[in-house]
């Protein structure tokens, strides 16, 4: 996939659907979400997208929105330390 594009997918967890995206090719580089992350909205900011595109020249950059944040749902539990650690495992 070209580094300028991102593909957003979802994975089902016990705490809801977690949105994640990948761009680029090469060894994986996982960037965890933060309290205000949003895969689509972050992508429209030129500086942020350029940063990811540069990383994706030699890596598959994988990003995700934590449960209950951005494009991820929170079907069962609000975001807390236990929920966050399960999403990162």
Protein backbone atom coordinates (compact mmCIF):
# COMPACT_ATOMS: atom_id res chain seq x y z
CA UNK A 1 0.00 0.00 0.00
CA UNK A 2 1.40 3.44 -0.85
CA UNK A 3 2.61 5.36 2.19
CA UNK A 4 0.27 8.24 1.32
CA UNK A 5 -2.78 6.01 1.90
CA UNK A 6 -4.06 4.47 5.08
CA UNK A 7 -6.40 1.53 5.36
CA UNK A 8 -8.66 1.58 8.43
CA UNK A 9 -9.86 -1.75 9.79
CA UNK A 10 -11.58 -2.95 12.94
CA UNK A 11 -10.84 -5.80 15.31
CA UNK A 12 -13.39 -7.07 17.85
CA UNK A 13 -12.22 -7.14 21.48
CA UNK A 14 -14.03 -7.84 24.74
CA UNK A 15 -14.32 -4.06 25.20
CA UNK A 16 -15.66 -3.21 21.73
CA UNK A 17 -14.34 -2.69 18.22
CA UNK A 18 -10.84 -1.21 18.01
CA UNK A 19 -10.09 0.83 14.89
CA UNK A 20 -6.61 0.45 13.47
CA UNK A 21 -4.80 1.51 10.34
CA UNK A 22 -1.72 0.47 8.48
CA UNK A 23 0.33 2.26 5.89
CA UNK A 24 3.65 1.61 4.20
CA UNK A 25 5.65 -1.60 3.89
CA UNK A 26 8.43 -3.20 5.86
CA UNK A 27 8.94 -4.27 9.45
CA UNK A 28 6.00 -3.28 11.68
CA UNK A 29 6.09 -0.12 13.79
CA UNK A 30 3.14 0.14 16.19
CA UNK A 31 2.11 3.59 17.37
CA UNK A 32 -0.35 3.43 20.24
CA UNK A 33 -3.29 5.78 20.41
CA UNK A 34 -3.54 8.59 22.91
CA UNK A 35 -6.42 10.17 24.81
CA UNK A 36 -7.53 12.29 21.84
CA UNK A 37 -6.52 10.16 18.86
CA UNK A 38 -8.78 9.72 15.84
CA UNK A 39 -7.40 7.81 12.87
CA UNK A 40 -9.28 9.75 10.19
CA UNK A 41 -9.04 13.21 11.74
CA UNK A 42 -5.33 12.88 12.56
CA UNK A 43 -4.67 11.87 8.94
CA UNK A 44 -5.96 15.18 7.53
CA UNK A 45 -3.31 17.22 9.41
CA UNK A 46 -0.46 17.69 6.92
CA UNK A 47 2.37 17.66 9.49
CA UNK A 48 1.09 14.51 11.18
CA UNK A 49 0.46 12.69 7.90
CA UNK A 50 3.90 13.71 6.58
CA UNK A 51 5.49 12.33 9.76
CA UNK A 52 3.72 8.99 9.30
CA UNK A 53 4.51 8.89 5.57
CA UNK A 54 8.20 9.39 6.32
CA UNK A 55 8.14 6.53 8.83
CA UNK A 56 6.24 4.38 6.32
CA UNK A 57 8.99 4.62 3.72
CA UNK A 58 10.77 1.74 5.44
CA UNK A 59 8.15 0.41 7.88
CA UNK A 60 4.56 -0.73 8.05
CA UNK A 61 3.17 1.88 10.44
CA UNK A 62 0.28 0.50 12.48
CA UNK A 63 -1.81 2.96 14.49
CA UNK A 64 -4.94 2.43 16.55
CA UNK A 65 -7.56 4.31 18.52
CA UNK A 66 -7.91 2.88 22.05
CA UNK A 67 -11.34 1.52 23.06
CA UNK A 68 -13.82 4.36 23.48
CA UNK A 69 -11.55 6.87 21.70
CA UNK A 70 -11.72 8.17 18.12
CA UNK A 71 -13.15 5.57 15.75
CA UNK A 72 -13.10 2.75 18.32
CA UNK A 73 -16.24 1.80 20.22
CA UNK A 74 -16.62 1.12 23.92
CA UNK A 75 -19.28 -1.58 24.05
CA UNK A 76 -18.63 -2.82 27.56
CA UNK A 77 -16.26 -0.74 29.65
CA UNK A 78 -15.12 2.86 29.84
CA UNK A 79 -11.45 3.51 29.15
CA UNK A 80 -9.25 2.76 32.16
CA UNK A 81 -5.81 1.28 32.76
CA UNK A 82 -7.01 -2.33 32.53
CA UNK A 83 -8.86 -1.67 29.24
CA UNK A 84 -5.85 0.16 27.79
CA UNK A 85 -3.45 -2.66 28.68
CA UNK A 86 -5.68 -5.26 27.00
CA UNK A 87 -5.84 -3.15 23.81
CA UNK A 88 -2.05 -2.92 23.74
CA UNK A 89 -1.44 -6.64 24.35
